[in-house]
């Protein structure tokens, strides 16, 4: 099966095609854009398919970074994955950014516990922790700085994610290893993790808190009685 993986959950707009039978990546496109995923994503997908020398009809499944991350970016990626899956009549599945970040760190630090931690701003951090076997020991949640520091001091894990350096410095004199400090993982990690997922479950955005931007109450039009 040719598996398309896409990631728009953070600053990257990325896609890759993985041939699951051969276990080899056929092609990828990665752009560090910050914002503007909606305008660029379809072009990135088409460029990746061209590089991989496969067409939409050759795809057997779609994996997408489901968050947590940028609210807009996550919505763009999940909506695109579900729309393509519906049009192509193939399954789609979501992989969280925290599990992907942890998996990437685990490959660099085998046999170690991992704490994935992303700066969510407003003094909060998206966090999940896994033991040396990859079993969840702290479920994905949005926590404050003090709680994140206490969790890292207790577990003494390898830290990975955009807030890894901040947390590592905060728990001194503990000398904790720090993996990647990106807010997302390599696109190939999402493709590989998707293989072990339940493909009967459609991808859904993973939001661990309410969005920063909310409509002003005074600007909401009253509902019609009909």
Protein backbone atom coordinates (compact mmCIF):
# COMPACT_ATOMS: atom_id res chain seq x y z
CA UNK A 1 0.00 0.00 0.00
CA UNK A 2 1.10 3.53 -0.71
CA UNK A 3 0.43 5.64 2.38
CA UNK A 4 0.26 9.44 2.19
CA UNK A 5 1.16 11.25 5.43
CA UNK A 6 0.55 14.99 5.93
CA UNK A 7 1.43 17.39 8.73
CA UNK A 8 0.18 20.94 9.17
CA UNK A 9 -0.05 20.94 12.97
CA UNK A 10 2.86 23.30 13.59
CA UNK A 11 5.21 25.43 11.49
CA UNK A 12 5.82 22.83 8.77
CA UNK A 13 3.63 21.98 5.80
CA UNK A 14 4.82 18.46 5.05
CA UNK A 15 3.87 15.34 3.16
CA UNK A 16 5.45 12.01 2.31
CA UNK A 17 4.50 8.76 0.61
CA UNK A 18 5.48 5.49 2.28
CA UNK A 19 5.34 2.16 0.46
CA UNK A 20 4.24 -0.04 3.34
CA UNK A 21 5.12 -3.37 1.70
CA UNK A 22 8.72 -2.36 1.03
CA UNK A 23 8.94 -0.19 4.14
CA UNK A 24 10.52 2.56 2.05
CA UNK A 25 9.69 6.22 1.61
CA UNK A 26 9.07 7.11 -2.02
CA UNK A 27 9.21 10.88 -1.68
CA UNK A 28 8.59 13.85 0.56
CA UNK A 29 8.06 17.60 0.56
CA UNK A 30 8.72 19.75 3.63
CA UNK A 31 8.26 23.52 3.86
CA UNK A 32 8.80 25.58 7.02
CA UNK A 33 6.10 28.21 6.51
CA UNK A 34 4.83 29.12 9.97
CA UNK A 35 1.32 29.99 8.73
CA UNK A 36 -0.68 29.68 5.53
CA UNK A 37 -1.10 25.89 5.47
CA UNK A 38 -4.50 26.02 3.77
CA UNK A 39 -3.06 27.80 0.74
CA UNK A 40 -0.03 25.52 0.38
CA UNK A 41 -1.12 22.02 1.45
CA UNK A 42 -2.69 20.72 -1.77
CA UNK A 43 0.35 21.90 -3.73
CA UNK A 44 2.64 20.13 -1.27
CA UNK A 45 0.62 16.92 -1.64
CA UNK A 46 0.72 17.09 -5.44
CA UNK A 47 4.46 17.81 -5.42
CA UNK A 48 5.02 14.83 -3.13
CA UNK A 49 2.98 12.52 -5.36
CA UNK A 50 4.95 13.69 -8.38
CA UNK A 51 8.28 13.07 -6.66
CA UNK A 52 7.05 9.67 -5.48
CA UNK A 53 5.80 8.81 -9.00
CA UNK A 54 2.36 7.79 -7.76
CA UNK A 55 -1.07 9.23 -8.39
CA UNK A 56 -4.07 9.74 -6.14
CA UNK A 57 -5.52 6.47 -7.44
CA UNK A 58 -2.40 4.63 -6.23
CA UNK A 59 -2.92 5.65 -2.59
CA UNK A 60 -4.29 3.12 -0.10
CA UNK A 61 -4.51 5.28 3.01
CA UNK A 62 -3.85 8.73 4.49
CA UNK A 63 -2.24 9.61 7.83
CA UNK A 64 -2.46 13.07 9.34
CA UNK A 65 -0.91 14.90 12.28
CA UNK A 66 -4.01 15.43 14.42
CA UNK A 67 -2.57 17.78 17.04
CA UNK A 68 -2.28 19.21 19.55
CA UNK A 69 -0.72 22.19 17.88
CA UNK A 70 -1.92 25.17 15.88
CA UNK A 71 -5.72 25.20 15.97
CA UNK A 72 -5.95 26.38 12.37
CA UNK A 73 -3.18 24.11 11.12
CA UNK A 74 -4.70 21.04 12.76
CA UNK A 75 -8.12 21.79 11.25
CA UNK A 76 -6.58 22.24 7.79
CA UNK A 77 -4.70 18.93 7.92
CA UNK A 78 -7.52 16.83 9.35
CA UNK A 79 -10.10 18.32 6.98
CA UNK A 80 -7.85 17.66 3.98
CA UNK A 81 -7.17 14.09 5.07
CA UNK A 82 -10.85 13.32 5.59
CA UNK A 83 -11.85 15.01 2.34
CA UNK A 84 -9.28 13.13 0.27
CA UNK A 85 -10.15 9.85 1.97
CA UNK A 86 -13.82 10.35 1.17
CA UNK A 87 -13.14 11.28 -2.44
CA UNK A 88 -10.71 8.40 -3.01
CA UNK A 89 -12.75 5.89 -0.95
CA UNK A 90 -9.74 4.98 1.20
CA UNK A 91 -9.25 5.11 4.99
CA UNK A 92 -7.61 7.94 6.91
CA UNK A 93 -6.20 7.93 10.43
CA UNK A 94 -4.82 10.49 12.88
CA UNK A 95 -1.51 10.42 14.75
CA UNK A 96 -0.97 12.89 17.60
CA UNK A 97 1.98 15.26 17.58
CA UNK A 98 2.95 14.23 21.11
CA UNK A 99 3.21 10.52 20.31
CA UNK A 100 5.13 11.31 17.12
CA UNK A 101 7.59 13.58 18.96
CA UNK A 102 8.07 10.88 21.61
CA UNK A 103 8.60 8.16 19.00
CA UNK A 104 11.22 10.25 17.23
CA UNK A 105 13.05 10.78 20.52
CA UNK A 106 12.78 7.07 21.37
CA UNK A 107 14.62 6.15 18.18
CA UNK A 108 17.51 8.38 19.28
CA UNK A 109 17.37 7.28 22.93
CA UNK A 110 16.25 3.62 22.89
CA UNK A 111 15.23 2.11 26.19
CA UNK A 112 14.54 5.51 27.79
CA UNK A 113 11.35 7.08 29.07
CA UNK A 114 10.24 10.08 27.03
CA UNK A 115 8.34 13.25 27.90
CA UNK A 116 7.01 15.18 24.92
CA UNK A 117 6.28 18.80 25.76
CA UNK A 118 5.09 21.53 23.39
CA UNK A 119 4.84 25.22 24.30
CA UNK A 120 1.10 25.97 24.10
CA UNK A 121 1.60 29.60 25.20
CA UNK A 122 -0.43 31.33 27.91
CA UNK A 123 1.90 29.58 30.41
CA UNK A 124 0.60 26.16 29.38
CA UNK A 125 2.29 23.14 27.85
CA UNK A 126 0.90 20.24 25.83
CA UNK A 127 2.46 17.23 27.51
CA UNK A 128 2.48 13.45 27.38
CA UNK A 129 4.94 10.99 28.91
CA UNK A 130 5.82 7.42 27.98
CA UNK A 131 7.87 4.72 29.70
CA UNK A 132 10.80 2.90 28.09
CA UNK A 133 8.40 0.53 26.31
CA UNK A 134 6.29 3.35 24.89
CA UNK A 135 3.41 2.87 27.33
CA UNK A 136 1.63 6.09 28.32
CA UNK A 137 2.41 7.10 31.92
CA UNK A 138 1.00 10.62 31.66
CA UNK A 139 -1.89 11.10 29.25
CA UNK A 140 -1.86 14.01 26.84
CA UNK A 141 -2.98 17.18 28.60
CA UNK A 142 -2.41 20.92 28.84
CA UNK A 143 -0.61 21.67 32.10
CA UNK A 144 1.09 24.62 33.76
CA UNK A 145 4.81 25.22 34.07
CA UNK A 146 5.08 24.07 37.68
CA UNK A 147 3.29 20.81 36.92
CA UNK A 148 5.46 20.20 33.85
CA UNK A 149 8.62 20.79 35.90
CA UNK A 150 7.40 18.47 38.67
CA UNK A 151 6.57 15.73 36.15
CA UNK A 152 10.00 15.96 34.53
CA UNK A 153 11.73 15.90 37.93
CA UNK A 154 9.74 12.82 38.92
CA UNK A 155 10.19 10.80 35.70
CA UNK A 156 13.68 12.04 34.73
CA UNK A 157 12.92 11.33 31.07
CA UNK A 158 14.42 12.37 27.79
CA UNK A 159 12.65 15.63 26.96
CA UNK A 160 11.52 16.40 23.42
CA UNK A 161 9.39 19.08 21.81
CA UNK A 162 9.43 22.86 21.52
CA UNK A 163 9.48 23.38 25.32
CA UNK A 164 12.05 20.65 26.05
CA UNK A 165 14.92 23.08 26.58
CA UNK A 166 12.86 25.30 28.87
CA UNK A 167 11.82 22.38 31.09
CA UNK A 168 15.33 20.91 31.12
CA UNK A 169 16.78 24.21 32.33
CA UNK A 170 14.05 24.54 34.95
CA UNK A 171 14.84 21.20 36.61
CA UNK A 172 18.54 21.91 37.12
CA UNK A 173 20.70 20.55 38.70
CA UNK A 174 19.11 17.43 37.18
CA UNK A 175 20.92 16.81 33.91
CA UNK A 176 18.18 15.63 31.55
CA UNK A 177 18.80 14.67 27.92
CA UNK A 178 17.01 16.75 25.31
CA UNK A 179 15.97 15.41 21.91
CA UNK A 180 14.46 17.42 19.08
CA UNK A 181 13.07 20.81 20.11
CA UNK A 182 10.63 21.04 17.21
CA UNK A 183 6.88 21.43 17.78
CA UNK A 184 6.30 18.43 15.54
CA UNK A 185 8.11 15.29 14.37
CA UNK A 186 9.63 14.26 11.07
CA UNK A 187 6.85 13.50 8.57
CA UNK A 188 8.14 9.94 8.15
CA UNK A 189 7.43 9.24 11.82
CA UNK A 190 3.74 9.99 11.29
CA UNK A 191 3.63 7.59 8.35
CA UNK A 192 5.25 4.75 10.32
CA UNK A 193 3.12 5.26 13.45
CA UNK A 194 -0.05 5.19 11.36
CA UNK A 195 0.57 1.56 10.42
CA UNK A 196 -0.24 0.40 13.96
CA UNK A 197 -3.41 2.51 14.27
CA UNK A 198 -7.05 1.46 14.15
CA UNK A 199 -7.93 2.47 10.62
CA UNK A 200 -11.67 2.19 11.28
CA UNK A 201 -11.47 5.41 13.34
CA UNK A 202 -11.59 8.60 11.30
CA UNK A 203 -9.06 11.28 12.23
CA UNK A 204 -10.28 14.00 14.57
CA UNK A 205 -8.49 17.16 15.74
CA UNK A 206 -6.86 16.79 19.15
CA UNK A 207 -7.53 19.98 21.10
CA UNK A 208 -6.39 19.99 24.72
CA UNK A 209 -7.82 23.43 25.49
CA UNK A 210 -10.23 26.00 24.08
CA UNK A 211 -9.01 28.16 21.16
CA UNK A 212 -7.37 31.51 21.94
CA UNK A 213 -9.64 33.41 19.55
CA UNK A 214 -13.35 33.46 20.40
CA UNK A 215 -16.20 35.50 18.89
CA UNK A 216 -17.24 38.57 20.84
CA UNK A 217 -20.57 37.95 22.52
CA UNK A 218 -21.97 41.27 21.35
CA UNK A 219 -21.33 40.37 17.71
CA UNK A 220 -23.18 37.04 17.76
CA UNK A 221 -26.47 37.31 15.89
CA UNK A 222 -29.52 35.90 17.69
CA UNK A 223 -30.88 32.61 16.36
CA UNK A 224 -34.11 32.65 14.44
CA UNK A 225 -37.11 31.09 16.14
CA UNK A 226 -37.73 28.92 13.05
